[in-house]
Amino acid sequence: MGCPQGSCSGPTLCNLVANEILQETWPENTAIQAFADDFVLVSHGPTKIKIENQIHAAIEKFINWANKNKLQISTGKIQYILFSKLTRPPRIR
């Protein structure tokens, strides 16, 4: 259950709820950003494994917060992007 889209009080209510998760302490090299009712977790690290561990810890924290506040996560909208210098570029012959 959320706020009706376009309502006058919707953004304020969303900010009140979201403020709690935005003030949390996140795993090393990990941060959260909010865009209206969407959230982005950003992490960086020296290895892919380190980044995966940090993101998994952050996702678990986010899920716990959502469950505590009876918020539903739209799993069909979840995406991730890995930017890395750790992978080899394709060979050009």
PDB file of N, CA and C in Angstrom:
ATOM      1  N   MET A   1       0.839  -1.167   0.000  1.00  0.00           N
ATOM      2  CA  MET A   1       0.000   0.000   0.000  1.00  0.00           C
ATOM      3  C   MET A   1       0.885   1.231   0.000  1.00  0.00           C
ATOM      4  N   GLY A   2       0.560   2.178  -0.819  1.00  0.00           N
ATOM      5  CA  GLY A   2       1.352   3.396  -0.885  1.00  0.00           C
ATOM      6  C   GLY A   2       0.455   4.612  -0.894  1.00  0.00           C
ATOM      7  N   CYS A   3       1.016   5.706  -1.336  1.00  0.00           N
ATOM      8  CA  CYS A   3       0.253   6.949  -1.442  1.00  0.00           C
ATOM      9  C   CYS A   3      -0.294   7.063  -2.858  1.00  0.00           C
ATOM     10  N   PRO A   4      -1.487   7.590  -3.023  1.00  0.00           N
ATOM     11  CA  PRO A   4      -2.023   7.774  -4.357  1.00  0.00           C
ATOM     12  C   PRO A   4      -1.121   8.695  -5.183  1.00  0.00           C
ATOM     13  N   GLN A   5      -0.858   8.280  -6.418  1.00  0.00           N
ATOM     14  CA  GLN A   5      -0.018   9.088  -7.280  1.00  0.00           C
ATOM     15  C   GLN A   5      -0.704  10.422  -7.567  1.00  0.00           C
ATOM     16  N   GLY A   6       0.056  11.500  -7.441  1.00  0.00           N
ATOM     17  CA  GLY A   6      -0.483  12.819  -7.707  1.00  0.00           C
ATOM     18  C   GLY A   6      -1.143  13.470  -6.508  1.00  0.00           C
ATOM     19  N   SER A   7      -1.157  12.777  -5.377  1.00  0.00           N
ATOM     20  CA  SER A   7      -1.784  13.371  -4.191  1.00  0.00           C
ATOM     21  C   SER A   7      -0.886  14.470  -3.619  1.00  0.00           C
ATOM     22  N   CYS A   8      -1.477  15.402  -2.925  1.00  0.00           N
ATOM     23  CA  CYS A   8      -0.717  16.512  -2.336  1.00  0.00           C
ATOM     24  C   CYS A   8       0.176  16.044  -1.191  1.00  0.00           C
ATOM     25  N   SER A   9      -0.310  15.103  -0.397  1.00  0.00           N
ATOM     26  CA  SER A   9       0.461  14.658   0.763  1.00  0.00           C
ATOM     27  C   SER A   9       1.380  13.481   0.457  1.00  0.00           C
ATOM     28  N   GLY A  10       1.242  12.877  -0.708  1.00  0.00           N
ATOM     29  CA  GLY A  10       2.039  11.707  -1.077  1.00  0.00           C
ATOM     30  C   GLY A  10       3.539  11.896  -0.960  1.00  0.00           C
ATOM     31  N   PRO A  11       4.105  12.931  -1.571  1.00  0.00           N
ATOM     32  CA  PRO A  11       5.565  13.119  -1.474  1.00  0.00           C
ATOM     33  C   PRO A  11       6.051  13.305  -0.037  1.00  0.00           C
ATOM     34  N   THR A  12       5.294  14.033   0.767  1.00  0.00           N
ATOM     35  CA  THR A  12       5.700  14.249   2.154  1.00  0.00           C
ATOM     36  C   THR A  12       5.670  12.953   2.941  1.00  0.00           C
ATOM     37  N   LEU A  13       4.620  12.170   2.769  1.00  0.00           N
ATOM     38  CA  LEU A  13       4.526  10.886   3.464  1.00  0.00           C
ATOM     39  C   LEU A  13       5.640   9.947   3.019  1.00  0.00           C
ATOM     40  N   CYS A  14       5.930   9.930   1.737  1.00  0.00           N
ATOM     41  CA  CYS A  14       7.008   9.099   1.206  1.00  0.00           C
ATOM     42  C   CYS A  14       8.338   9.527   1.813  1.00  0.00           C
ATOM     43  N   ASN A  15       8.579  10.837   1.909  1.00  0.00           N
ATOM     44  CA  ASN A  15       9.822  11.339   2.500  1.00  0.00           C
ATOM     45  C   ASN A  15       9.955  10.937   3.964  1.00  0.00           C
ATOM     46  N   LEU A  16       8.857  10.978   4.702  1.00  0.00           N
ATOM     47  CA  LEU A  16       8.906  10.600   6.118  1.00  0.00           C
ATOM     48  C   LEU A  16       9.307   9.144   6.293  1.00  0.00           C
ATOM     49  N   VAL A  17       8.764   8.293   5.465  1.00  0.00           N
ATOM     50  CA  VAL A  17       9.081   6.865   5.555  1.00  0.00           C
ATOM     51  C   VAL A  17      10.497   6.608   5.048  1.00  0.00           C
ATOM     52  N   ALA A  18      10.857   7.199   3.906  1.00  0.00           N
ATOM     53  CA  ALA A  18      12.156   6.951   3.286  1.00  0.00           C
ATOM     54  C   ALA A  18      13.303   7.532   4.098  1.00  0.00           C
ATOM     55  N   ASN A  19      13.060   8.582   4.856  1.00  0.00           N
ATOM     56  CA  ASN A  19      14.125   9.228   5.605  1.00  0.00           C
ATOM     57  C   ASN A  19      14.844   8.251   6.534  1.00  0.00           C
ATOM     58  N   GLU A  20      14.102   7.324   7.101  1.00  0.00           N
ATOM     59  CA  GLU A  20      14.702   6.346   8.020  1.00  0.00           C
ATOM     60  C   GLU A  20      15.774   5.517   7.318  1.00  0.00           C
ATOM     61  N   ILE A  21      15.474   4.978   6.153  1.00  0.00           N
ATOM     62  CA  ILE A  21      16.441   4.118   5.454  1.00  0.00           C
ATOM     63  C   ILE A  21      17.599   4.935   4.889  1.00  0.00           C
ATOM     64  N   LEU A  22      17.353   6.177   4.535  1.00  0.00           N
ATOM     65  CA  LEU A  22      18.423   7.018   3.994  1.00  0.00           C
ATOM     66  C   LEU A  22      19.433   7.403   5.063  1.00  0.00           C
ATOM     67  N   GLN A  23      19.025   7.369   6.340  1.00  0.00           N
ATOM     68  CA  GLN A  23      19.919   7.716   7.450  1.00  0.00           C
ATOM     69  C   GLN A  23      20.699   6.518   7.991  1.00  0.00           C
ATOM     70  N   GLU A  24      20.418   5.328   7.477  1.00  0.00           N
ATOM     71  CA  GLU A  24      21.078   4.112   7.963  1.00  0.00           C
ATOM     72  C   GLU A  24      22.571   4.117   7.633  1.00  0.00           C
ATOM     73  N   THR A  25      23.330   3.347   8.405  1.00  0.00           N
ATOM     74  CA  THR A  25      24.738   3.107   8.115  1.00  0.00           C
ATOM     75  C   THR A  25      24.796   1.896   7.183  1.00  0.00           C
ATOM     76  N   TRP A  26      25.504   2.040   6.084  1.00  0.00           N
ATOM     77  CA  TRP A  26      25.552   1.004   5.050  1.00  0.00           C
ATOM     78  C   TRP A  26      26.887   0.278   5.075  1.00  0.00           C
ATOM     79  N   PRO A  27      26.943  -0.900   4.469  1.00  0.00           N
ATOM     80  CA  PRO A  27      28.224  -1.621   4.410  1.00  0.00           C
ATOM     81  C   PRO A  27      29.310  -0.751   3.771  1.00  0.00           C
ATOM     82  N   GLU A  28      30.543  -1.125   4.022  1.00  0.00           N
ATOM     83  CA  GLU A  28      31.701  -0.407   3.482  1.00  0.00           C
ATOM     84  C   GLU A  28      31.555  -0.150   1.986  1.00  0.00           C
ATOM     85  N   ASN A  29      31.872   1.067   1.561  1.00  0.00           N
ATOM     86  CA  ASN A  29      31.849   1.475   0.146  1.00  0.00           C
ATOM     87  C   ASN A  29      30.470   1.349  -0.497  1.00  0.00           C
ATOM     88  N   THR A  30      29.410   1.423   0.292  1.00  0.00           N
ATOM     89  CA  THR A  30      28.053   1.277  -0.229  1.00  0.00           C
ATOM     90  C   THR A  30      27.211   2.459   0.235  1.00  0.00           C
ATOM     91  N   ALA A  31      26.356   2.939  -0.658  1.00  0.00           N
ATOM     92  CA  ALA A  31      25.479   4.069  -0.341  1.00  0.00           C
ATOM     93  C   ALA A  31      24.113   3.837  -0.978  1.00  0.00           C
ATOM     94  N   ILE A  32      23.132   4.552  -0.478  1.00  0.00           N
ATOM     95  CA  ILE A  32      21.786   4.491  -1.040  1.00  0.00           C
ATOM     96  C   ILE A  32      21.403   5.883  -1.519  1.00  0.00           C
ATOM     97  N   GLN A  33      20.654   5.924  -2.599  1.00  0.00           N
ATOM     98  CA  GLN A  33      20.115   7.179  -3.119  1.00  0.00           C
ATOM     99  C   GLN A  33      18.639   6.955  -3.401  1.00  0.00           C
ATOM    100  N   ALA A  34      17.840   7.990  -3.214  1.00  0.00           N
ATOM    101  CA  ALA A  34      16.400   7.905  -3.462  1.00  0.00           C
ATOM    102  C   ALA A  34      16.009   8.877  -4.556  1.00  0.00           C
ATOM    103  N   PHE A  35      15.113   8.438  -5.403  1.00  0.00           N
ATOM    104  CA  PHE A  35      14.520   9.256  -6.453  1.00  0.00           C
ATOM    105  C   PHE A  35      13.016   9.047  -6.345  1.00  0.00           C
ATOM    106  N   ALA A  36      12.346   9.970  -5.686  1.00  0.00           N
ATOM    107  CA  ALA A  36      10.910   9.833  -5.394  1.00  0.00           C
ATOM    108  C   ALA A  36      10.718   8.542  -4.602  1.00  0.00           C
ATOM    109  N   ASP A  37       9.996   7.556  -5.155  1.00  0.00           N
ATOM    110  CA  ASP A  37       9.786   6.301  -4.430  1.00  0.00           C
ATOM    111  C   ASP A  37      10.665   5.171  -4.962  1.00  0.00           C
ATOM    112  N   ASP A  38      11.721   5.505  -5.687  1.00  0.00           N
ATOM    113  CA  ASP A  38      12.688   4.530  -6.182  1.00  0.00           C
ATOM    114  C   ASP A  38      13.992   4.693  -5.415  1.00  0.00           C
ATOM    115  N   PHE A  39      14.688   3.586  -5.222  1.00  0.00           N
ATOM    116  CA  PHE A  39      15.947   3.605  -4.491  1.00  0.00           C
ATOM    117  C   PHE A  39      17.035   2.962  -5.329  1.00  0.00           C
ATOM    118  N   VAL A  40      18.256   3.454  -5.148  1.00  0.00           N
ATOM    119  CA  VAL A  40      19.421   2.905  -5.836  1.00  0.00           C
ATOM    120  C   VAL A  40      20.484   2.610  -4.787  1.00  0.00           C
ATOM    121  N   LEU A  41      21.019   1.393  -4.827  1.00  0.00           N
ATOM    122  CA  LEU A  41      22.157   1.037  -3.987  1.00  0.00           C
ATOM    123  C   LEU A  41      23.393   1.065  -4.876  1.00  0.00           C
ATOM    124  N   VAL A  42      24.423   1.767  -4.435  1.00  0.00           N
ATOM    125  CA  VAL A  42      25.661   1.911  -5.208  1.00  0.00           C
ATOM    126  C   VAL A  42      26.805   1.407  -4.349  1.00  0.00           C
ATOM    127  N   SER A  43      27.657   0.574  -4.939  1.00  0.00           N
ATOM    128  CA  SER A  43      28.777   0.025  -4.193  1.00  0.00           C
ATOM    129  C   SER A  43      29.996  -0.066  -5.093  1.00  0.00           C
ATOM    130  N   HIS A  44      31.159   0.047  -4.490  1.00  0.00           N
ATOM    131  CA  HIS A  44      32.397  -0.143  -5.248  1.00  0.00           C
ATOM    132  C   HIS A  44      33.386  -0.904  -4.386  1.00  0.00           C
ATOM    133  N   GLY A  45      34.302  -1.580  -5.049  1.00  0.00           N
ATOM    134  CA  GLY A  45      35.292  -2.355  -4.319  1.00  0.00           C
ATOM    135  C   GLY A  45      36.372  -2.868  -5.246  1.00  0.00           C
ATOM    136  N   PRO A  46      37.409  -3.463  -4.660  1.00  0.00           N
ATOM    137  CA  PRO A  46      38.556  -3.919  -5.443  1.00  0.00           C
ATOM    138  C   PRO A  46      38.300  -5.190  -6.248  1.00  0.00           C
ATOM    139  N   THR A  47      37.301  -5.994  -5.838  1.00  0.00           N
ATOM    140  CA  THR A  47      37.011  -7.238  -6.557  1.00  0.00           C
ATOM    141  C   THR A  47      35.506  -7.406  -6.720  1.00  0.00           C
ATOM    142  N   LYS A  48      35.145  -8.224  -7.694  1.00  0.00           N
ATOM    143  CA  LYS A  48      33.731  -8.507  -7.932  1.00  0.00           C
ATOM    144  C   LYS A  48      33.104  -9.189  -6.710  1.00  0.00           C
ATOM    145  N   ILE A  49      33.829 -10.098  -6.093  1.00  0.00           N
ATOM    146  CA  ILE A  49      33.326 -10.813  -4.906  1.00  0.00           C
ATOM    147  C   ILE A  49      33.050  -9.824  -3.765  1.00  0.00           C
ATOM    148  N   LYS A  50      33.967  -8.889  -3.547  1.00  0.00           N
ATOM    149  CA  LYS A  50      33.796  -7.888  -2.480  1.00  0.00           C
ATOM    150  C   LYS A  50      32.540  -7.049  -2.737  1.00  0.00           C
ATOM    151  N   ILE A  51      32.362  -6.625  -3.985  1.00  0.00           N
ATOM    152  CA  ILE A  51      31.178  -5.823  -4.337  1.00  0.00           C
ATOM    153  C   ILE A  51      29.913  -6.638  -4.119  1.00  0.00           C
ATOM    154  N   GLU A  52      29.918  -7.898  -4.557  1.00  0.00           N
ATOM    155  CA  GLU A  52      28.743  -8.755  -4.381  1.00  0.00           C
ATOM    156  C   GLU A  52      28.390  -8.896  -2.905  1.00  0.00           C
ATOM    157  N   ASN A  53      29.389  -9.106  -2.056  1.00  0.00           N
ATOM    158  CA  ASN A  53      29.127  -9.251  -0.616  1.00  0.00           C
ATOM    159  C   ASN A  53      28.549  -7.973  -0.025  1.00  0.00           C
ATOM    160  N   GLN A  54      29.089  -6.831  -0.427  1.00  0.00           N
ATOM    161  CA  GLN A  54      28.595  -5.545   0.078  1.00  0.00           C
ATOM    162  C   GLN A  54      27.154  -5.312  -0.369  1.00  0.00           C
ATOM    163  N   ILE A  55      26.879  -5.573  -1.635  1.00  0.00           N
ATOM    164  CA  ILE A  55      25.522  -5.354  -2.167  1.00  0.00           C
ATOM    165  C   ILE A  55      24.526  -6.316  -1.531  1.00  0.00           C
ATOM    166  N   HIS A  56      24.920  -7.575  -1.344  1.00  0.00           N
ATOM    167  CA  HIS A  56      24.002  -8.527  -0.707  1.00  0.00           C
ATOM    168  C   HIS A  56      23.658  -8.082   0.715  1.00  0.00           C
ATOM    169  N   ALA A  57      24.642  -7.582   1.452  1.00  0.00           N
ATOM    170  CA  ALA A  57      24.380  -7.082   2.816  1.00  0.00           C
ATOM    171  C   ALA A  57      23.452  -5.869   2.769  1.00  0.00           C
ATOM    172  N   ALA A  58      23.667  -4.984   1.797  1.00  0.00           N
ATOM    173  CA  ALA A  58      22.823  -3.795   1.666  1.00  0.00           C
ATOM    174  C   ALA A  58      21.391  -4.177   1.273  1.00  0.00           C
ATOM    175  N   ILE A  59      21.248  -5.115   0.360  1.00  0.00           N
ATOM    176  CA  ILE A  59      19.918  -5.560  -0.067  1.00  0.00           C
ATOM    177  C   ILE A  59      19.170  -6.189   1.103  1.00  0.00           C
ATOM    178  N   GLU A  60      19.868  -6.991   1.889  1.00  0.00           N
ATOM    179  CA  GLU A  60      19.235  -7.610   3.061  1.00  0.00           C
ATOM    180  C   GLU A  60      18.741  -6.537   4.037  1.00  0.00           C
ATOM    181  N   LYS A  61      19.558  -5.510   4.256  1.00  0.00           N
ATOM    182  CA  LYS A  61      19.168  -4.407   5.140  1.00  0.00           C
ATOM    183  C   LYS A  61      17.946  -3.682   4.575  1.00  0.00           C
ATOM    184  N   PHE A  62      17.929  -3.446   3.261  1.00  0.00           N
ATOM    185  CA  PHE A  62      16.819  -2.754   2.618  1.00  0.00           C
ATOM    186  C   PHE A  62      15.536  -3.587   2.715  1.00  0.00           C
ATOM    187  N   ILE A  63      15.644  -4.881   2.472  1.00  0.00           N
ATOM    188  CA  ILE A  63      14.472  -5.772   2.564  1.00  0.00           C
ATOM    189  C   ILE A  63      13.910  -5.773   3.982  1.00  0.00           C
ATOM    190  N   ASN A  64      14.787  -5.829   4.986  1.00  0.00           N
ATOM    191  CA  ASN A  64      14.324  -5.802   6.380  1.00  0.00           C
ATOM    192  C   ASN A  64      13.575  -4.510   6.682  1.00  0.00           C
ATOM    193  N   TRP A  65      14.104  -3.380   6.192  1.00  0.00           N
ATOM    194  CA  TRP A  65      13.432  -2.091   6.388  1.00  0.00           C
ATOM    195  C   TRP A  65      12.069  -2.081   5.697  1.00  0.00           C
ATOM    196  N   ALA A  66      12.022  -2.577   4.462  1.00  0.00           N
ATOM    197  CA  ALA A  66      10.757  -2.606   3.716  1.00  0.00           C
ATOM    198  C   ALA A  66       9.724  -3.479   4.438  1.00  0.00           C
ATOM    199  N   ASN A  67      10.154  -4.640   4.896  1.00  0.00           N
ATOM    200  CA  ASN A  67       9.240  -5.527   5.616  1.00  0.00           C
ATOM    201  C   ASN A  67       8.738  -4.876   6.909  1.00  0.00           C
ATOM    202  N   LYS A  68       9.635  -4.224   7.643  1.00  0.00           N
ATOM    203  CA  LYS A  68       9.264  -3.554   8.892  1.00  0.00           C
ATOM    204  C   LYS A  68       8.207  -2.481   8.656  1.00  0.00           C
ATOM    205  N   ASN A  69       8.305  -1.802   7.518  1.00  0.00           N
ATOM    206  CA  ASN A  69       7.371  -0.727   7.191  1.00  0.00           C
ATOM    207  C   ASN A  69       6.220  -1.185   6.302  1.00  0.00           C
ATOM    208  N   LYS A  70       6.104  -2.511   6.137  1.00  0.00           N
ATOM    209  CA  LYS A  70       5.029  -3.111   5.341  1.00  0.00           C
ATOM    210  C   LYS A  70       4.994  -2.557   3.916  1.00  0.00           C
ATOM    211  N   LEU A  71       6.193  -2.394   3.350  1.00  0.00           N
ATOM    212  CA  LEU A  71       6.326  -1.923   1.969  1.00  0.00           C
ATOM    213  C   LEU A  71       6.634  -3.103   1.069  1.00  0.00           C
ATOM    214  N   GLN A  72       6.097  -3.050  -0.122  1.00  0.00           N
ATOM    215  CA  GLN A  72       6.295  -4.134  -1.076  1.00  0.00           C
ATOM    216  C   GLN A  72       7.362  -3.719  -2.089  1.00  0.00           C
ATOM    217  N   ILE A  73       8.315  -4.604  -2.345  1.00  0.00           N
ATOM    218  CA  ILE A  73       9.360  -4.348  -3.334  1.00  0.00           C
ATOM    219  C   ILE A  73       8.923  -4.963  -4.653  1.00  0.00           C
ATOM    220  N   SER A  74       8.963  -4.183  -5.719  1.00  0.00           N
ATOM    221  CA  SER A  74       8.602  -4.688  -7.052  1.00  0.00           C
ATOM    222  C   SER A  74       9.810  -5.407  -7.637  1.00  0.00           C
ATOM    223  N   THR A  75       9.893  -6.696  -7.382  1.00  0.00           N
ATOM    224  CA  THR A  75      11.067  -7.463  -7.809  1.00  0.00           C
ATOM    225  C   THR A  75      11.215  -7.502  -9.326  1.00  0.00           C
ATOM    226  N   GLY A  76      10.138  -7.332 -10.058  1.00  0.00           N
ATOM    227  CA  GLY A  76      10.209  -7.322 -11.516  1.00  0.00           C
ATOM    228  C   GLY A  76      10.910  -6.087 -12.071  1.00  0.00           C
ATOM    229  N   LYS A  77      11.051  -5.061 -11.259  1.00  0.00           N
ATOM    230  CA  LYS A  77      11.697  -3.822 -11.699  1.00  0.00           C
ATOM    231  C   LYS A  77      13.168  -3.737 -11.285  1.00  0.00           C
ATOM    232  N   ILE A  78      13.640  -4.706 -10.500  1.00  0.00           N
ATOM    233  CA  ILE A  78      15.010  -4.657 -10.003  1.00  0.00           C
ATOM    234  C   ILE A  78      15.990  -4.928 -11.138  1.00  0.00           C
ATOM    235  N   GLN A  79      17.029  -4.104 -11.210  1.00  0.00           N
ATOM    236  CA  GLN A  79      18.086  -4.266 -12.211  1.00  0.00           C
ATOM    237  C   GLN A  79      19.418  -3.973 -11.553  1.00  0.00           C
ATOM    238  N   TYR A  80      20.477  -4.502 -12.153  1.00  0.00           N
ATOM    239  CA  TYR A  80      21.806  -4.141 -11.679  1.00  0.00           C
ATOM    240  C   TYR A  80      22.720  -3.937 -12.873  1.00  0.00           C
ATOM    241  N   ILE A  81      23.725  -3.127 -12.656  1.00  0.00           N
ATOM    242  CA  ILE A  81      24.727  -2.842 -13.680  1.00  0.00           C
ATOM    243  C   ILE A  81      26.084  -2.949 -13.011  1.00  0.00           C
ATOM    244  N   LEU A  82      26.986  -3.688 -13.614  1.00  0.00           N
ATOM    245  CA  LEU A  82      28.343  -3.805 -13.102  1.00  0.00           C
ATOM    246  C   LEU A  82      29.277  -3.072 -14.052  1.00  0.00           C
ATOM    247  N   PHE A  83      29.922  -2.045 -13.537  1.00  0.00           N
ATOM    248  CA  PHE A  83      30.945  -1.333 -14.285  1.00  0.00           C
ATOM    249  C   PHE A  83      32.276  -1.825 -13.739  1.00  0.00           C
ATOM    250  N   SER A  84      33.143  -2.297 -14.610  1.00  0.00           N
ATOM    251  CA  SER A  84      34.363  -2.890 -14.106  1.00  0.00           C
ATOM    252  C   SER A  84      35.536  -2.717 -15.052  1.00  0.00           C
ATOM    253  N   LYS A  85      36.696  -2.491 -14.481  1.00  0.00           N
ATOM    254  CA  LYS A  85      37.956  -2.543 -15.210  1.00  0.00           C
ATOM    255  C   LYS A  85      38.604  -3.906 -14.989  1.00  0.00           C
ATOM    256  N   LEU A  86      37.947  -4.761 -14.208  1.00  0.00           N
ATOM    257  CA  LEU A  86      38.516  -6.045 -13.831  1.00  0.00           C
ATOM    258  C   LEU A  86      38.351  -7.117 -14.901  1.00  0.00           C
ATOM    259  N   THR A  87      37.515  -6.879 -15.880  1.00  0.00           N
ATOM    260  CA  THR A  87      37.325  -7.872 -16.923  1.00  0.00           C
ATOM    261  C   THR A  87      38.188  -7.512 -18.127  1.00  0.00           C
ATOM    262  N   ARG A  88      38.584  -8.521 -18.854  1.00  0.00           N
ATOM    263  CA  ARG A  88      39.411  -8.296 -20.036  1.00  0.00           C
ATOM    264  C   ARG A  88      38.547  -7.821 -21.181  1.00  0.00           C
ATOM    265  N   PRO A  89      39.038  -6.842 -21.926  1.00  0.00           N
ATOM    266  CA  PRO A  89      38.290  -6.407 -23.108  1.00  0.00           C
ATOM    267  C   PRO A  89      38.358  -7.479 -24.191  1.00  0.00           C
ATOM    268  N   PRO A  90      37.400  -7.471 -25.124  1.00  0.00           N
ATOM    269  CA  PRO A  90      37.431  -8.491 -26.189  1.00  0.00           C
ATOM    270  C   PRO A  90      38.648  -8.294 -27.070  1.00  0.00           C
ATOM    271  N   ARG A  91      39.156  -9.393 -27.582  1.00  0.00           N
ATOM    272  CA  ARG A  91      40.297  -9.322 -28.512  1.00  0.00           C
ATOM    273  C   ARG A  91      39.836  -8.897 -29.881  1.00  0.00           C
ATOM    274  N   ILE A  92      40.600  -8.027 -30.484  1.00  0.00           N
ATOM    275  CA  ILE A  92      40.319  -7.585 -31.860  1.00  0.00           C
ATOM    276  C   ILE A  92      41.417  -8.139 -32.738  1.00  0.00           C
ATOM    277  N   ARG A  93      41.042  -8.888 -33.773  1.00  0.00           N
ATOM    278  CA  ARG A  93      42.035  -9.498 -34.673  1.00  0.00           C
ATOM    279  C   ARG A  93      42.172  -8.718 -35.935  1.00  0.00           C
TER     280      ARG A  93
END
